[in-house]
Protein backbone atom coordinates (compact mmCIF):
# COMPACT_ATOMS: atom_id res chain seq x y z
CA MET A 1 0.00 0.00 0.00
CA SER A 2 1.57 3.28 -1.12
CA MET A 3 2.02 6.32 1.08
CA ASN A 4 -0.08 8.44 -1.29
CA PHE A 5 -3.02 6.05 -0.97
CA ILE A 6 -2.80 6.17 2.82
CA LEU A 7 -2.75 9.97 2.80
CA ILE A 8 -5.74 10.08 0.46
CA MET A 9 -7.71 7.79 2.76
CA VAL A 10 -6.77 9.90 5.77
CA ALA A 11 -7.87 13.07 3.94
CA VAL A 12 -11.22 11.50 3.01
CA TRP A 13 -11.78 10.35 6.59
CA VAL A 14 -10.90 13.77 7.99
CA VAL A 15 -13.23 15.55 5.56
CA ALA A 16 -16.05 13.17 6.48
CA ALA A 17 -15.42 13.66 10.20
CA GLY A 18 -15.31 17.44 9.79
CA GLY A 19 -18.58 17.42 7.87
CA TRP A 20 -20.21 15.30 10.53
CA LEU A 21 -19.04 17.64 13.29
CA MET A 22 -20.27 20.66 11.35
CA PHE A 23 -23.76 19.45 10.56
CA SER A 24 -24.61 17.02 13.36
CA ASN A 25 -26.90 18.24 16.10
CA ALA A 26 -27.69 21.35 14.05
CA SER A 27 -31.26 21.61 15.34
CA LYS A 28 -32.76 21.33 18.80
CA SER A 29 -36.30 21.35 20.07
CA ALA A 30 -37.97 24.71 20.52
CA ASP A 31 -38.68 24.05 24.19
CA ALA A 32 -35.05 23.23 24.93
CA ASP A 33 -33.87 26.38 23.16
CA LYS A 34 -36.36 28.49 25.09
CA ILE A 35 -35.27 27.10 28.44
CA ARG A 36 -31.58 27.43 27.57
CA ASN A 37 -31.93 31.02 26.37
CA ARG A 38 -33.74 31.84 29.61
CA LEU A 39 -31.18 30.33 31.93
CA LEU A 40 -27.86 30.54 30.05
CA GLY A 41 -25.33 32.77 31.68
CA THR A 42 -27.48 33.66 34.69
CA ASN A 43 -25.41 33.66 37.86
CA ARG A 44 -26.40 33.86 41.50
CA ALA A 45 -24.28 34.28 44.54
CA VAL A 46 -23.55 31.03 46.32
CA LYS A 47 -25.49 30.97 49.57
CA GLY A 48 -24.90 29.01 52.71
CA LYS A 49 -21.15 29.63 52.91
CA LYS A 50 -19.92 32.47 55.00
CA GLY A 51 -17.95 35.02 52.99
CA SER A 52 -18.39 33.09 49.74
CA LYS A 53 -18.35 35.31 46.66
CA ALA A 54 -18.10 32.70 43.90
CA PRO A 55 -20.94 32.88 41.35
CA MET A 56 -22.81 29.72 40.40
CA SER A 57 -24.26 29.17 36.93
CA LEU A 58 -27.83 27.90 36.66
CA LEU A 59 -26.83 25.79 33.66
CA THR A 60 -24.01 23.30 33.26
CA ASP A 61 -21.66 24.27 30.46
CA ASP A 62 -21.50 21.36 28.04
CA ASP A 63 -17.95 22.35 27.12
CA LYS A 64 -16.83 21.17 30.55
CA THR A 65 -17.71 17.61 29.60
CA THR A 66 -16.94 17.73 25.87
CA GLY A 67 -13.44 17.47 24.46
CA LYS A 68 -11.72 17.64 27.84
CA PHE A 69 -8.22 17.16 26.46
CA VAL A 70 -8.58 19.92 23.87
CA LEU A 71 -10.20 22.29 26.35
CA GLN A 72 -7.46 21.71 28.92
CA LEU A 73 -4.92 22.77 26.30
CA LEU A 74 -6.99 25.88 25.55
CA GLN A 75 -7.20 26.74 29.23
CA ARG A 76 -3.42 26.64 29.49
CA PHE A 77 -3.18 29.31 26.81
CA GLN A 78 -6.29 31.17 28.11
CA LEU A 79 -8.13 30.77 24.79
CA GLN A 80 -11.30 28.96 25.87
CA ASP A 81 -13.08 32.04 27.22
CA ARG A 82 -12.11 34.08 24.16
CA LEU A 83 -13.47 31.47 21.76
CA LYS A 84 -16.64 31.10 23.81
CA THR A 85 -17.18 34.86 23.74
CA LEU A 86 -16.54 34.88 19.99
CA LEU A 87 -19.21 32.23 19.44
CA GLU A 88 -21.69 34.14 21.61
CA GLN A 89 -21.03 37.35 19.70
CA ALA A 90 -21.57 35.51 16.41
CA GLY A 91 -24.93 34.23 17.63
CA LEU A 92 -23.92 30.58 17.07
CA LYS A 93 -24.91 27.78 19.43
CA TRP A 94 -21.71 25.86 18.85
CA LYS A 95 -19.54 24.52 21.62
CA VAL A 96 -15.88 25.51 21.83
CA ALA A 97 -14.86 21.87 21.43
CA ARG A 98 -16.86 21.62 18.21
CA LEU A 99 -15.12 24.68 16.74
CA ILE A 100 -11.70 23.30 17.64
CA HIS A 101 -12.53 19.89 16.14
CA MET A 102 -13.59 21.53 12.88
CA CYS A 103 -10.37 23.58 12.73
CA LEU A 104 -8.22 20.52 13.40
CA SER A 105 -10.08 18.43 10.82
CA LEU A 106 -9.64 21.02 8.08
CA PHE A 107 -6.02 21.58 9.13
CA LEU A 108 -5.21 17.89 8.67
CA THR A 109 -7.09 17.83 5.37
CA GLY A 110 -5.12 20.80 4.06
CA PHE A 111 -1.84 19.26 5.17
CA ALA A 112 -2.64 15.95 3.44
CA LEU A 113 -3.64 17.68 0.20
CA GLY A 114 -0.57 19.92 0.28
CA TRP A 115 1.70 16.92 0.89
CA LEU A 116 0.19 15.10 -2.10
CA LEU A 117 0.07 17.98 -4.57
CA MET A 118 3.32 19.82 -3.84
CA PRO A 119 6.69 18.82 -5.32
CA ALA A 120 8.80 16.54 -3.15
CA ARG A 121 11.29 19.26 -2.20
CA PHE A 122 8.46 21.52 -1.02
CA GLN A 123 6.35 19.00 0.87
CA ALA A 124 7.39 20.67 4.12
CA MET A 125 5.43 23.71 2.89
CA ALA A 126 2.22 21.68 3.19
CA VAL A 127 1.67 23.48 6.47
CA ILE A 128 0.66 26.61 4.50
CA PRO A 129 -2.52 25.15 2.92
CA ALA A 130 -3.12 23.39 6.24
CA LEU A 131 -3.15 26.71 8.10
CA ILE A 132 -5.36 28.30 5.44
CA MET A 133 -7.95 25.52 5.54
CA GLY A 134 -7.75 25.27 9.33
CA SER A 135 -8.63 28.94 9.65
CA PHE A 136 -11.87 28.63 7.62
CA PRO A 137 -14.14 27.93 10.65
CA LEU A 138 -12.64 30.88 12.55
CA LEU A 139 -13.07 33.13 9.51
CA TYR A 140 -16.70 32.03 9.21
CA VAL A 141 -17.38 32.73 12.89
CA THR A 142 -15.63 36.11 12.65
CA MET A 143 -17.69 37.11 9.60
CA LYS A 144 -20.90 36.10 11.39
CA ARG A 145 -19.79 38.07 14.44
CA ASN A 146 -19.02 41.23 12.46
CA LYS A 147 -22.30 41.03 10.55
CA ARG A 148 -24.30 40.52 13.75
CA LEU A 149 -22.56 43.36 15.60
CA PHE A 150 -23.06 45.73 12.66
CA LYS A 151 -26.78 44.94 12.61
CA PHE A 152 -26.94 45.44 16.38
CA GLU A 153 -25.31 48.86 16.08
CA GLU A 154 -27.80 49.83 13.37
CA GLN A 155 -30.73 48.96 15.65
CA PHE A 156 -29.24 50.46 18.80
CA PRO A 157 -30.10 54.20 18.36
CA GLU A 158 -33.75 53.42 17.67
CA SER A 159 -33.87 51.12 20.70
CA LEU A 160 -32.55 53.90 22.96
CA GLU A 161 -35.25 56.26 21.71
CA PHE A 162 -37.83 53.52 22.30
CA VAL A 163 -36.71 53.10 25.92
CA ALA A 164 -36.74 56.89 26.42
CA ARG A 165 -40.31 57.18 25.10
CA SER A 166 -41.40 54.25 27.25
CA MET A 167 -39.95 55.85 30.38
CA ARG A 168 -41.64 59.17 29.58
CA ALA A 169 -44.91 57.25 29.37
CA GLY A 170 -44.40 56.17 32.99
CA HIS A 171 -42.88 52.70 32.63
CA ALA A 172 -39.96 51.55 34.74
CA PHE A 173 -36.61 50.89 33.09
CA SER A 174 -36.90 47.10 33.52
CA VAL A 175 -40.39 47.13 31.99
CA SER A 176 -39.02 49.17 29.09
CA LEU A 177 -36.41 46.48 28.49
CA GLU A 178 -39.14 43.83 28.41
CA MET A 179 -41.11 45.85 25.86
CA LEU A 180 -37.92 46.44 23.88
CA HIS A 181 -37.11 42.80 23.26
CA ARG A 182 -40.72 42.14 22.24
CA GLU A 183 -40.88 44.95 19.70
CA PHE A 184 -37.46 44.65 18.04
CA GLN A 185 -35.85 41.97 15.92
CA GLU A 186 -32.66 39.98 16.36
CA PRO A 187 -29.87 40.42 17.30
CA LEU A 188 -30.82 43.37 19.52
CA ALA A 189 -33.96 41.66 20.82
CA GLY A 190 -32.01 38.59 21.91
CA GLU A 191 -29.38 40.54 23.82
CA PHE A 192 -31.90 42.66 25.73
CA ARG A 193 -34.13 39.63 26.32
CA ARG A 194 -31.16 38.03 28.02
CA VAL A 195 -30.61 41.15 30.15
CA PHE A 196 -34.27 41.21 31.20
CA GLU A 197 -34.45 37.50 31.98
CA GLU A 198 -31.20 37.55 33.96
CA HIS A 199 -32.56 40.44 36.02
CA ASN A 200 -35.93 38.72 36.35
CA LEU A 201 -34.24 35.59 37.72
CA GLY A 202 -32.48 37.54 40.47
CA LEU A 203 -29.30 38.95 38.95
CA PRO A 204 -28.82 42.63 39.86
CA LEU A 205 -29.49 45.01 36.99
CA ASP A 206 -25.96 46.43 37.25
CA ALA A 207 -24.44 42.99 36.73
CA ALA A 208 -26.82 42.12 33.87
CA LEU A 209 -25.93 45.34 32.03
CA GLN A 210 -22.21 44.81 32.61
CA LYS A 211 -22.53 41.34 31.11
CA LEU A 212 -24.25 42.93 28.11
CA ALA A 213 -21.28 45.25 27.68
CA GLY A 214 -18.97 42.24 27.84
CA ARG A 215 -20.92 40.33 25.18
CA VAL A 216 -21.26 43.26 22.77
CA PRO A 217 -17.86 44.95 22.19
CA SER A 218 -19.34 48.27 21.09
CA LEU A 219 -18.38 51.70 22.37
CA ASP A 220 -22.03 52.76 22.14
CA VAL A 221 -23.13 49.93 24.43
CA HIS A 222 -20.45 50.86 26.96
CA PHE A 223 -21.73 54.46 26.92
CA PHE A 224 -25.28 53.20 27.45
CA VAL A 225 -24.34 50.96 30.38
CA SER A 226 -22.23 53.70 31.98
CA ALA A 227 -25.08 56.21 31.62
CA VAL A 228 -27.64 53.87 33.21
CA LEU A 229 -25.37 52.90 36.11
CA LEU A 230 -24.35 56.50 36.75
CA GLN A 231 -27.97 57.69 36.68
CA LYS A 232 -28.92 54.92 39.08
CA ARG A 233 -26.34 56.12 41.61
CA THR A 234 -26.63 59.89 41.20
CA GLY A 235 -30.11 60.44 39.80
CA GLY A 236 -31.17 62.49 36.79
CA ASN A 237 -33.38 62.32 33.73
CA LEU A 238 -32.46 59.01 32.11
CA ALA A 239 -34.88 59.50 29.21
CA GLU A 240 -33.13 62.72 28.20
CA ILE A 241 -29.72 61.07 28.52
CA LEU A 242 -30.78 58.22 26.25
CA ASP A 243 -32.16 60.63 23.66
CA LYS A 244 -28.87 62.53 23.54
CA LEU A 245 -26.90 59.29 23.36
CA ALA A 246 -29.05 58.12 20.44
CA TYR A 247 -28.37 61.43 18.65
CA VAL A 248 -24.60 61.04 19.13
CA ILE A 249 -24.69 57.47 17.80
CA ARG A 250 -26.63 58.55 14.70
CA GLU A 251 -24.10 61.30 14.01
CA ARG A 252 -21.28 58.77 14.31
CA PHE A 253 -23.03 56.61 11.73
CA LYS A 254 -23.27 59.57 9.37
CA LEU A 255 -19.57 60.31 9.82
CA ARG A 256 -18.72 56.66 9.25
CA GLY A 257 -20.69 56.70 6.00
CA LYS A 258 -18.85 59.81 4.79
CA ILE A 259 -15.49 58.23 5.58
CA ARG A 260 -16.43 55.06 3.69
CA ALA A 261 -17.43 57.15 0.68
CA ILE A 262 -14.14 59.07 0.76
CA SER A 263 -12.05 55.91 1.18
CA ALA A 264 -13.92 53.96 -1.52
CA HIS A 265 -11.20 54.78 -4.07
CA GLY A 266 -8.53 53.34 -1.80
CA ARG A 267 -10.51 50.14 -1.26
CA MET A 268 -11.05 49.71 -4.99
CA THR A 269 -7.33 50.28 -5.55
CA GLY A 270 -6.49 47.54 -3.09
CA MET A 271 -8.89 45.11 -4.76
CA ALA A 272 -7.48 45.95 -8.21
CA LEU A 273 -3.85 45.60 -7.15
CA THR A 274 -4.65 42.25 -5.55
CA SER A 275 -6.64 40.79 -8.45
CA ILE A 276 -4.64 42.09 -11.44
CA PRO A 277 -1.63 39.74 -10.96
CA LEU A 278 -3.97 36.74 -10.71
CA ALA A 279 -5.86 37.81 -13.83
CA VAL A 280 -2.61 38.36 -15.76
CA ALA A 281 -1.32 34.93 -14.70
CA ALA A 282 -4.57 33.30 -15.88
CA MET A 283 -4.39 35.07 -19.26
CA MET A 284 -0.74 34.11 -19.72
CA PHE A 285 -1.58 30.50 -18.90
CA LEU A 286 -4.20 30.48 -21.65
CA VAL A 287 -1.82 32.06 -24.18
CA ASN A 288 1.40 30.23 -23.27
CA PRO A 289 1.04 27.56 -20.56
CA GLU A 290 4.75 26.74 -20.60
CA TYR A 291 5.60 30.26 -19.48
CA VAL A 292 3.43 30.01 -16.35
CA THR A 293 4.21 26.40 -15.47
CA PHE A 294 7.83 27.50 -15.06
CA PHE A 295 6.86 28.72 -11.57
CA ALA A 296 5.72 25.22 -10.60
CA ARG A 297 8.34 23.26 -12.54
CA GLU A 298 11.60 24.98 -11.64
CA GLU A 299 13.00 25.50 -8.15
CA VAL A 300 13.72 29.19 -8.83
CA GLY A 301 10.16 29.60 -10.08
CA ASN A 302 8.82 28.09 -6.86
CA TYR A 303 10.69 30.62 -4.77
CA MET A 304 9.57 33.46 -7.06
CA ALA A 305 5.94 32.37 -6.78
CA LEU A 306 6.12 32.16 -2.98
CA ALA A 307 7.79 35.57 -2.74
CA GLY A 308 5.21 37.13 -5.07
CA ALA A 309 2.30 35.66 -3.11
CA GLY A 310 3.78 36.89 0.17
CA LEU A 311 4.28 40.41 -1.18
CA GLN A 312 0.73 40.42 -2.55
CA VAL A 313 -0.69 39.55 0.86
CA LEU A 314 1.54 42.12 2.57
CA GLY A 315 0.48 44.85 0.15
CA TYR A 316 -3.20 44.04 0.63
CA LEU A 317 -2.87 44.19 4.41
CA ILE A 318 -1.05 47.55 4.24
CA ILE A 319 -3.72 49.09 1.97
CA LYS A 320 -6.48 47.71 4.19
CA LYS A 321 -4.81 49.23 7.25
CA ILE A 322 -4.64 52.62 5.51
CA VAL A 323 -8.25 52.79 4.29
CA ASN A 324 -9.90 51.34 7.43
CA ILE A 325 -10.48 54.36 9.66
CA GLU A 326 -12.10 53.78 13.04
CA VAL A 327 -14.82 56.24 14.06
């Protein structure tokens, strides 16, 4: 049995295992989801022990019993909490162990394919396609996270005005939060539903809002939480504060739109400079394949291709850093 055949079988097995991990247990019953969304993340102080300050979760984290070996490695490098927060921000109900298994499966698949397809003298470079394929699940989660946070920020100013109007009508702040998650759509409704249910189950409002600020890494949310906590301690017109905060957030959105319009030329330049070499290589391959296959056939061509690809990536990252202006 040849080594290539063994590697192909390993690659097929890894792809099958990764697909099973990705799509198995994709759906749960509606009742289970409702109960989990109500109780997840709600902490209460441990009672019965003098001087005890350790919080106790109302739900058992499945990650504590799934993939123990992998999670112990993550805990050593302090990555488990970061990955768990990333999944929460993306709105995915995955476990950390599942994400790690998917990354490892695709990493091994990429390494096997790179080992088979690359020339013998460059088989050690198979780690490059392995790293690229292994990062696909993280890239997917990051894209989902960014999309969800952007939609949350779009809904946030209107939600602040809704709470302000509700409080002017005579409702308490907690009641306004309950009305908020009923009237708005996801993802904002889900985050404020979690705040309301945590507070309704006994968690102090201060702690529930601080957990909201930890789940949503937005400067606007931090301003909102700080304003509510400060008003609770010192007093004042919270409805007026929320109206002014909503106005500031809308103005920031306008400024962000203007900056994106001004920097559109730079973004298009980066896309053009990145895609033109690939398009030229494809055209040259159609006209004279021997000229392009030199980069895969000769050792010098291999080094030239690797250097060119590295410089392309570096140039794209530099242009992206220039045109991305934080507001």
